[in-house]
Amino acid sequence: MGQLRTLAYSDTFKDHLASPRNAGELADANAIAEETNPVCGDRLRLSLRIVDGRIEAARFLAYGCPPTLVCGSVLAQLIEGKTIEDAMKLTRKEIVNAVGGLPTRKQHAAALAIETLRKAIENREKNSA
């Protein structure tokens, strides 16, 4: 982990960094979004399979800093099994809390996760209308 200052991050954060959950592409996804943070250039891609208003599967790909990867991992884990309505209520603060906290300057990673989730669901709703 070299440059990553271990004191600034929780055990949950380090666990998701070492073993990301739900990483990769979802072959039969019907809701996909990829968002980029314009400030730092981090990117997050989210693929969802939504059936009858419920997120049956979620996968992510992250490009950028470790917090972006961890927030993508936590997001994908949190939303699987949730209804679209419940997933849309998820907040940046809930992502930050789920990873055990983030330094203020890294909270943009949680915001990127939420933006990507909302965009994926919007893309699904546009395509199924």
N, C-alpha and C. Protein backbone atom coordinates (compact mmCIF):
# COMPACT_ATOMS: atom_id res chain seq x y z
N MET A 1 0.81 -1.20 0.00
CA MET A 1 0.00 0.00 0.00
C MET A 1 0.85 1.25 0.00
N GLY A 2 2.10 1.17 0.07
CA GLY A 2 3.06 2.25 -0.08
C GLY A 2 2.61 3.62 0.39
N GLN A 3 2.09 4.42 -0.55
CA GLN A 3 1.74 5.80 -0.28
C GLN A 3 0.49 5.97 0.58
N LEU A 4 -0.34 4.94 0.67
CA LEU A 4 -1.58 5.05 1.43
C LEU A 4 -1.27 5.11 2.92
N ARG A 5 -1.58 6.22 3.53
CA ARG A 5 -1.34 6.33 4.97
C ARG A 5 -2.38 5.51 5.70
N THR A 6 -1.94 4.44 6.34
CA THR A 6 -2.88 3.49 6.92
C THR A 6 -3.64 4.08 8.10
N LEU A 7 -3.12 5.06 8.79
CA LEU A 7 -3.82 5.61 9.94
C LEU A 7 -5.08 6.38 9.55
N ALA A 8 -5.11 6.90 8.32
CA ALA A 8 -6.24 7.73 7.90
C ALA A 8 -7.46 6.90 7.49
N TYR A 9 -7.29 5.60 7.32
CA TYR A 9 -8.37 4.78 6.80
C TYR A 9 -8.74 3.65 7.76
N SER A 10 -10.02 3.30 7.75
CA SER A 10 -10.55 2.27 8.64
C SER A 10 -10.17 0.86 8.16
N ASP A 11 -10.38 -0.11 9.02
CA ASP A 11 -10.16 -1.51 8.65
C ASP A 11 -11.12 -1.91 7.53
N THR A 12 -12.35 -1.39 7.57
CA THR A 12 -13.32 -1.69 6.52
C THR A 12 -12.80 -1.19 5.18
N PHE A 13 -12.28 0.03 5.17
CA PHE A 13 -11.71 0.61 3.95
C PHE A 13 -10.60 -0.29 3.42
N LYS A 14 -9.67 -0.66 4.31
CA LYS A 14 -8.52 -1.47 3.89
C LYS A 14 -8.96 -2.85 3.38
N ASP A 15 -10.01 -3.40 3.99
CA ASP A 15 -10.52 -4.69 3.57
C ASP A 15 -11.10 -4.61 2.15
N HIS A 16 -11.90 -3.57 1.88
CA HIS A 16 -12.47 -3.40 0.54
C HIS A 16 -11.38 -3.10 -0.49
N LEU A 17 -10.34 -2.40 -0.08
CA LEU A 17 -9.24 -2.10 -1.00
C LEU A 17 -8.49 -3.38 -1.36
N ALA A 18 -8.24 -4.23 -0.37
CA ALA A 18 -7.52 -5.48 -0.60
C ALA A 18 -8.39 -6.51 -1.34
N SER A 19 -9.69 -6.51 -1.06
CA SER A 19 -10.61 -7.49 -1.64
C SER A 19 -11.90 -6.81 -2.08
N PRO A 20 -11.86 -6.09 -3.21
CA PRO A 20 -13.07 -5.39 -3.66
C PRO A 20 -14.22 -6.37 -3.90
N ARG A 21 -15.42 -5.96 -3.53
CA ARG A 21 -16.62 -6.76 -3.75
C ARG A 21 -17.26 -6.35 -5.07
N ASN A 22 -17.78 -7.31 -5.79
CA ASN A 22 -18.57 -7.05 -6.99
C ASN A 22 -17.82 -6.26 -8.08
N ALA A 23 -16.51 -6.47 -8.18
CA ALA A 23 -15.73 -5.78 -9.21
C ALA A 23 -15.93 -6.47 -10.55
N GLY A 24 -15.92 -5.68 -11.62
CA GLY A 24 -16.00 -6.23 -12.96
C GLY A 24 -17.21 -5.74 -13.72
N GLU A 25 -17.44 -6.37 -14.86
CA GLU A 25 -18.58 -6.04 -15.73
C GLU A 25 -19.71 -7.02 -15.46
N LEU A 26 -20.90 -6.62 -15.81
CA LEU A 26 -22.08 -7.46 -15.68
C LEU A 26 -22.62 -7.68 -17.09
N ALA A 27 -22.47 -8.91 -17.59
CA ALA A 27 -22.79 -9.20 -18.99
C ALA A 27 -24.24 -8.87 -19.35
N ASP A 28 -25.18 -9.15 -18.45
CA ASP A 28 -26.59 -8.92 -18.77
C ASP A 28 -27.15 -7.68 -18.09
N ALA A 29 -26.30 -6.68 -17.90
CA ALA A 29 -26.73 -5.43 -17.27
C ALA A 29 -27.77 -4.73 -18.14
N ASN A 30 -28.76 -4.11 -17.49
CA ASN A 30 -29.73 -3.31 -18.24
C ASN A 30 -29.75 -1.86 -17.75
N ALA A 31 -28.79 -1.51 -16.89
CA ALA A 31 -28.62 -0.12 -16.44
C ALA A 31 -27.12 0.10 -16.24
N ILE A 32 -26.55 1.01 -17.02
CA ILE A 32 -25.09 1.24 -16.98
C ILE A 32 -24.82 2.74 -16.99
N ALA A 33 -23.83 3.12 -16.21
CA ALA A 33 -23.38 4.52 -16.25
C ALA A 33 -21.89 4.56 -15.95
N GLU A 34 -21.23 5.54 -16.51
CA GLU A 34 -19.84 5.82 -16.17
C GLU A 34 -19.72 7.32 -15.97
N GLU A 35 -19.28 7.69 -14.79
CA GLU A 35 -19.14 9.10 -14.45
C GLU A 35 -17.68 9.40 -14.12
N THR A 36 -17.29 10.64 -14.35
CA THR A 36 -15.92 11.08 -14.09
C THR A 36 -15.95 12.29 -13.17
N ASN A 37 -15.04 12.31 -12.21
CA ASN A 37 -14.88 13.49 -11.37
C ASN A 37 -14.04 14.47 -12.17
N PRO A 38 -14.59 15.64 -12.52
CA PRO A 38 -13.85 16.58 -13.38
C PRO A 38 -12.61 17.17 -12.71
N VAL A 39 -12.56 17.16 -11.39
CA VAL A 39 -11.44 17.76 -10.68
C VAL A 39 -10.22 16.85 -10.71
N CYS A 40 -10.41 15.57 -10.32
CA CYS A 40 -9.25 14.67 -10.19
C CYS A 40 -9.15 13.66 -11.32
N GLY A 41 -10.21 13.51 -12.11
CA GLY A 41 -10.17 12.57 -13.22
C GLY A 41 -10.56 11.14 -12.86
N ASP A 42 -10.88 10.87 -11.60
CA ASP A 42 -11.32 9.53 -11.22
C ASP A 42 -12.58 9.16 -11.99
N ARG A 43 -12.70 7.88 -12.35
CA ARG A 43 -13.88 7.41 -13.07
C ARG A 43 -14.46 6.20 -12.35
N LEU A 44 -15.79 6.10 -12.41
CA LEU A 44 -16.48 4.95 -11.83
C LEU A 44 -17.52 4.49 -12.84
N ARG A 45 -17.50 3.20 -13.14
CA ARG A 45 -18.48 2.59 -14.05
C ARG A 45 -19.32 1.62 -13.23
N LEU A 46 -20.62 1.72 -13.36
CA LEU A 46 -21.54 0.88 -12.61
C LEU A 46 -22.47 0.18 -13.58
N SER A 47 -22.58 -1.15 -13.43
CA SER A 47 -23.47 -1.96 -14.26
C SER A 47 -24.47 -2.64 -13.33
N LEU A 48 -25.75 -2.49 -13.64
CA LEU A 48 -26.80 -3.06 -12.81
C LEU A 48 -27.71 -3.96 -13.63
N ARG A 49 -28.22 -5.00 -12.99
CA ARG A 49 -29.31 -5.78 -13.56
C ARG A 49 -30.52 -5.51 -12.67
N ILE A 50 -31.50 -4.83 -13.25
CA ILE A 50 -32.71 -4.46 -12.52
C ILE A 50 -33.87 -5.29 -13.06
N VAL A 51 -34.55 -5.99 -12.16
CA VAL A 51 -35.69 -6.81 -12.53
C VAL A 51 -36.84 -6.48 -11.58
N ASP A 52 -37.99 -6.14 -12.17
CA ASP A 52 -39.18 -5.82 -11.39
C ASP A 52 -38.91 -4.77 -10.31
N GLY A 53 -38.16 -3.73 -10.67
CA GLY A 53 -37.92 -2.63 -9.75
C GLY A 53 -36.90 -2.90 -8.65
N ARG A 54 -36.18 -4.03 -8.75
CA ARG A 54 -35.20 -4.39 -7.72
C ARG A 54 -33.83 -4.63 -8.39
N ILE A 55 -32.78 -4.18 -7.73
CA ILE A 55 -31.43 -4.37 -8.25
C ILE A 55 -30.98 -5.78 -7.87
N GLU A 56 -30.97 -6.67 -8.86
CA GLU A 56 -30.60 -8.06 -8.60
C GLU A 56 -29.09 -8.24 -8.56
N ALA A 57 -28.37 -7.45 -9.34
CA ALA A 57 -26.91 -7.57 -9.37
C ALA A 57 -26.30 -6.21 -9.67
N ALA A 58 -25.12 -5.98 -9.10
CA ALA A 58 -24.39 -4.73 -9.31
C ALA A 58 -22.90 -5.04 -9.43
N ARG A 59 -22.24 -4.46 -10.42
CA ARG A 59 -20.80 -4.59 -10.60
C ARG A 59 -20.23 -3.21 -10.88
N PHE A 60 -18.96 -3.03 -10.51
CA PHE A 60 -18.34 -1.72 -10.72
C PHE A 60 -16.93 -1.89 -11.27
N LEU A 61 -16.46 -0.85 -11.93
CA LEU A 61 -15.06 -0.70 -12.33
C LEU A 61 -14.65 0.70 -11.90
N ALA A 62 -13.51 0.81 -11.25
CA ALA A 62 -13.04 2.11 -10.77
C ALA A 62 -11.66 2.40 -11.34
N TYR A 63 -11.45 3.65 -11.70
CA TYR A 63 -10.17 4.11 -12.21
C TYR A 63 -9.82 5.35 -11.42
N GLY A 64 -8.77 5.29 -10.63
CA GLY A 64 -8.39 6.47 -9.85
C GLY A 64 -7.85 6.11 -8.50
N CYS A 65 -8.11 6.96 -7.55
CA CYS A 65 -7.55 6.82 -6.20
C CYS A 65 -8.20 5.66 -5.44
N PRO A 66 -7.53 5.13 -4.43
CA PRO A 66 -8.10 4.05 -3.63
C PRO A 66 -9.50 4.34 -3.08
N PRO A 67 -9.80 5.55 -2.59
CA PRO A 67 -11.16 5.80 -2.11
C PRO A 67 -12.24 5.59 -3.18
N THR A 68 -11.94 5.88 -4.45
CA THR A 68 -12.91 5.66 -5.51
C THR A 68 -13.19 4.17 -5.67
N LEU A 69 -12.15 3.36 -5.64
CA LEU A 69 -12.32 1.91 -5.72
C LEU A 69 -13.13 1.40 -4.53
N VAL A 70 -12.80 1.84 -3.34
CA VAL A 70 -13.50 1.37 -2.13
C VAL A 70 -14.96 1.81 -2.14
N CYS A 71 -15.23 3.05 -2.53
CA CYS A 71 -16.62 3.52 -2.57
C CYS A 71 -17.42 2.76 -3.62
N GLY A 72 -16.82 2.40 -4.75
CA GLY A 72 -17.49 1.59 -5.75
C GLY A 72 -17.82 0.21 -5.21
N SER A 73 -16.89 -0.38 -4.50
CA SER A 73 -17.07 -1.70 -3.90
C SER A 73 -18.20 -1.69 -2.88
N VAL A 74 -18.17 -0.71 -1.98
CA VAL A 74 -19.20 -0.59 -0.94
C VAL A 74 -20.57 -0.30 -1.58
N LEU A 75 -20.60 0.59 -2.55
CA LEU A 75 -21.85 0.92 -3.22
C LEU A 75 -22.48 -0.33 -3.84
N ALA A 76 -21.71 -1.07 -4.61
CA ALA A 76 -22.24 -2.27 -5.27
C ALA A 76 -22.78 -3.27 -4.25
N GLN A 77 -22.09 -3.39 -3.14
CA GLN A 77 -22.53 -4.30 -2.09
C GLN A 77 -23.82 -3.81 -1.43
N LEU A 78 -23.89 -2.51 -1.16
CA LEU A 78 -25.05 -1.94 -0.48
C LEU A 78 -26.33 -2.01 -1.29
N ILE A 79 -26.24 -1.86 -2.61
CA ILE A 79 -27.45 -1.73 -3.41
C ILE A 79 -28.01 -3.06 -3.91
N GLU A 80 -27.21 -4.11 -3.91
CA GLU A 80 -27.74 -5.40 -4.37
C GLU A 80 -28.90 -5.83 -3.49
N GLY A 81 -30.01 -6.16 -4.16
CA GLY A 81 -31.20 -6.59 -3.43
C GLY A 81 -32.15 -5.46 -3.07
N LYS A 82 -31.69 -4.22 -3.21
CA LYS A 82 -32.55 -3.08 -2.88
C LYS A 82 -33.50 -2.75 -4.03
N THR A 83 -34.62 -2.13 -3.68
CA THR A 83 -35.51 -1.60 -4.71
C THR A 83 -34.84 -0.35 -5.30
N ILE A 84 -35.28 0.03 -6.48
CA ILE A 84 -34.77 1.26 -7.09
C ILE A 84 -35.02 2.44 -6.16
N GLU A 85 -36.22 2.49 -5.57
CA GLU A 85 -36.57 3.60 -4.68
C GLU A 85 -35.60 3.69 -3.51
N ASP A 86 -35.29 2.55 -2.88
CA ASP A 86 -34.37 2.55 -1.74
C ASP A 86 -32.96 2.93 -2.18
N ALA A 87 -32.54 2.43 -3.32
CA ALA A 87 -31.19 2.76 -3.83
C ALA A 87 -31.07 4.25 -4.10
N MET A 88 -32.13 4.87 -4.63
CA MET A 88 -32.09 6.30 -4.93
C MET A 88 -32.03 7.16 -3.67
N LYS A 89 -32.41 6.60 -2.53
CA LYS A 89 -32.36 7.35 -1.27
C LYS A 89 -30.97 7.32 -0.64
N LEU A 90 -30.10 6.45 -1.14
CA LEU A 90 -28.75 6.33 -0.59
C LEU A 90 -28.02 7.67 -0.72
N THR A 91 -27.28 8.05 0.33
CA THR A 91 -26.59 9.34 0.32
C THR A 91 -25.07 9.17 0.37
N ARG A 92 -24.40 10.25 0.02
CA ARG A 92 -22.93 10.29 0.09
C ARG A 92 -22.48 9.97 1.52
N LYS A 93 -23.18 10.53 2.49
CA LYS A 93 -22.82 10.32 3.90
C LYS A 93 -22.92 8.83 4.27
N GLU A 94 -23.94 8.15 3.76
CA GLU A 94 -24.08 6.72 4.04
C GLU A 94 -22.93 5.91 3.44
N ILE A 95 -22.46 6.30 2.27
CA ILE A 95 -21.30 5.63 1.66
C ILE A 95 -20.07 5.88 2.53
N VAL A 96 -19.86 7.14 2.92
CA VAL A 96 -18.70 7.48 3.78
C VAL A 96 -18.75 6.66 5.07
N ASN A 97 -19.92 6.59 5.69
CA ASN A 97 -20.05 5.82 6.93
C ASN A 97 -19.79 4.33 6.70
N ALA A 98 -20.27 3.80 5.56
CA ALA A 98 -20.12 2.37 5.26
C ALA A 98 -18.66 1.98 5.06
N VAL A 99 -17.83 2.92 4.63
CA VAL A 99 -16.40 2.60 4.46
C VAL A 99 -15.61 2.92 5.73
N GLY A 100 -16.31 3.33 6.77
CA GLY A 100 -15.64 3.62 8.04
C GLY A 100 -15.05 5.02 8.10
N GLY A 101 -15.58 5.90 7.24
CA GLY A 101 -15.11 7.29 7.22
C GLY A 101 -14.06 7.52 6.15
N LEU A 102 -14.00 8.76 5.69
CA LEU A 102 -13.01 9.19 4.71
C LEU A 102 -12.50 10.56 5.10
N PRO A 103 -11.23 10.83 4.84
CA PRO A 103 -10.74 12.21 5.05
C PRO A 103 -11.57 13.16 4.18
N THR A 104 -11.80 14.36 4.64
CA THR A 104 -12.62 15.34 3.93
C THR A 104 -12.21 15.47 2.47
N ARG A 105 -10.92 15.52 2.20
CA ARG A 105 -10.45 15.72 0.84
C ARG A 105 -10.67 14.52 -0.07
N LYS A 106 -11.13 13.40 0.49
CA LYS A 106 -11.39 12.20 -0.31
C LYS A 106 -12.88 11.86 -0.40
N GLN A 107 -13.73 12.70 0.19
CA GLN A 107 -15.16 12.41 0.17
C GLN A 107 -15.78 12.55 -1.21
N HIS A 108 -15.04 13.16 -2.13
CA HIS A 108 -15.51 13.25 -3.52
C HIS A 108 -15.72 11.85 -4.10
N ALA A 109 -15.02 10.86 -3.59
CA ALA A 109 -15.18 9.49 -4.09
C ALA A 109 -16.57 8.96 -3.79
N ALA A 110 -17.10 9.27 -2.61
CA ALA A 110 -18.46 8.86 -2.25
C ALA A 110 -19.48 9.61 -3.09
N ALA A 111 -19.23 10.88 -3.35
CA ALA A 111 -20.13 11.67 -4.20
C ALA A 111 -20.16 11.09 -5.62
N LEU A 112 -19.01 10.68 -6.14
CA LEU A 112 -18.93 10.07 -7.46
C LEU A 112 -19.74 8.76 -7.50
N ALA A 113 -19.66 7.98 -6.44
CA ALA A 113 -20.43 6.72 -6.37
C ALA A 113 -21.93 6.99 -6.45
N ILE A 114 -22.40 7.98 -5.70
CA ILE A 114 -23.83 8.31 -5.70
C ILE A 114 -24.26 8.85 -7.07
N GLU A 115 -23.45 9.73 -7.66
CA GLU A 115 -23.78 10.28 -8.98
C GLU A 115 -23.88 9.17 -10.02
N THR A 116 -22.96 8.21 -9.95
CA THR A 116 -22.94 7.12 -10.92
C THR A 116 -24.16 6.22 -10.75
N LEU A 117 -24.53 5.94 -9.51
CA LEU A 117 -25.72 5.14 -9.23
C LEU A 117 -26.96 5.82 -9.81
N ARG A 118 -27.12 7.10 -9.53
CA ARG A 118 -28.31 7.82 -10.00
C ARG A 118 -28.37 7.87 -11.52
N LYS A 119 -27.22 8.06 -12.15
CA LYS A 119 -27.16 8.11 -13.61
C LYS A 119 -27.51 6.74 -14.21
N ALA A 120 -27.03 5.65 -13.61
CA ALA A 120 -27.35 4.31 -14.11
C ALA A 120 -28.85 4.06 -14.05
N ILE A 121 -29.47 4.44 -12.94
CA ILE A 121 -30.92 4.24 -12.80
C ILE A 121 -31.69 5.12 -13.78
N GLU A 122 -31.24 6.37 -13.96
CA GLU A 122 -31.88 7.26 -14.95
C GLU A 122 -31.76 6.66 -16.36
N ASN A 123 -30.58 6.12 -16.68
CA ASN A 123 -30.35 5.53 -18.00
C ASN A 123 -31.30 4.36 -18.21
N ARG A 124 -31.52 3.57 -17.19
CA ARG A 124 -32.44 2.42 -17.26
C ARG A 124 -33.86 2.90 -17.50
N GLU A 125 -34.26 3.95 -16.77
CA GLU A 125 -35.62 4.44 -16.89
C GLU A 125 -35.86 5.05 -18.27
N LYS A 126 -34.84 5.71 -18.84
CA LYS A 126 -34.98 6.28 -20.18
C LYS A 126 -35.13 5.17 -21.23
N ASN A 127 -34.36 4.10 -21.05
CA ASN A 127 -34.36 3.02 -22.04
C ASN A 127 -35.61 2.14 -21.95
N SER A 128 -36.25 2.10 -20.77
CA SER A 128 -37.41 1.23 -20.64
C SER A 128 -38.73 1.98 -20.84
N ALA A 129 -38.63 3.30 -21.06
CA ALA A 129 -39.84 4.12 -21.23
C ALA A 129 -40.42 3.95 -22.62
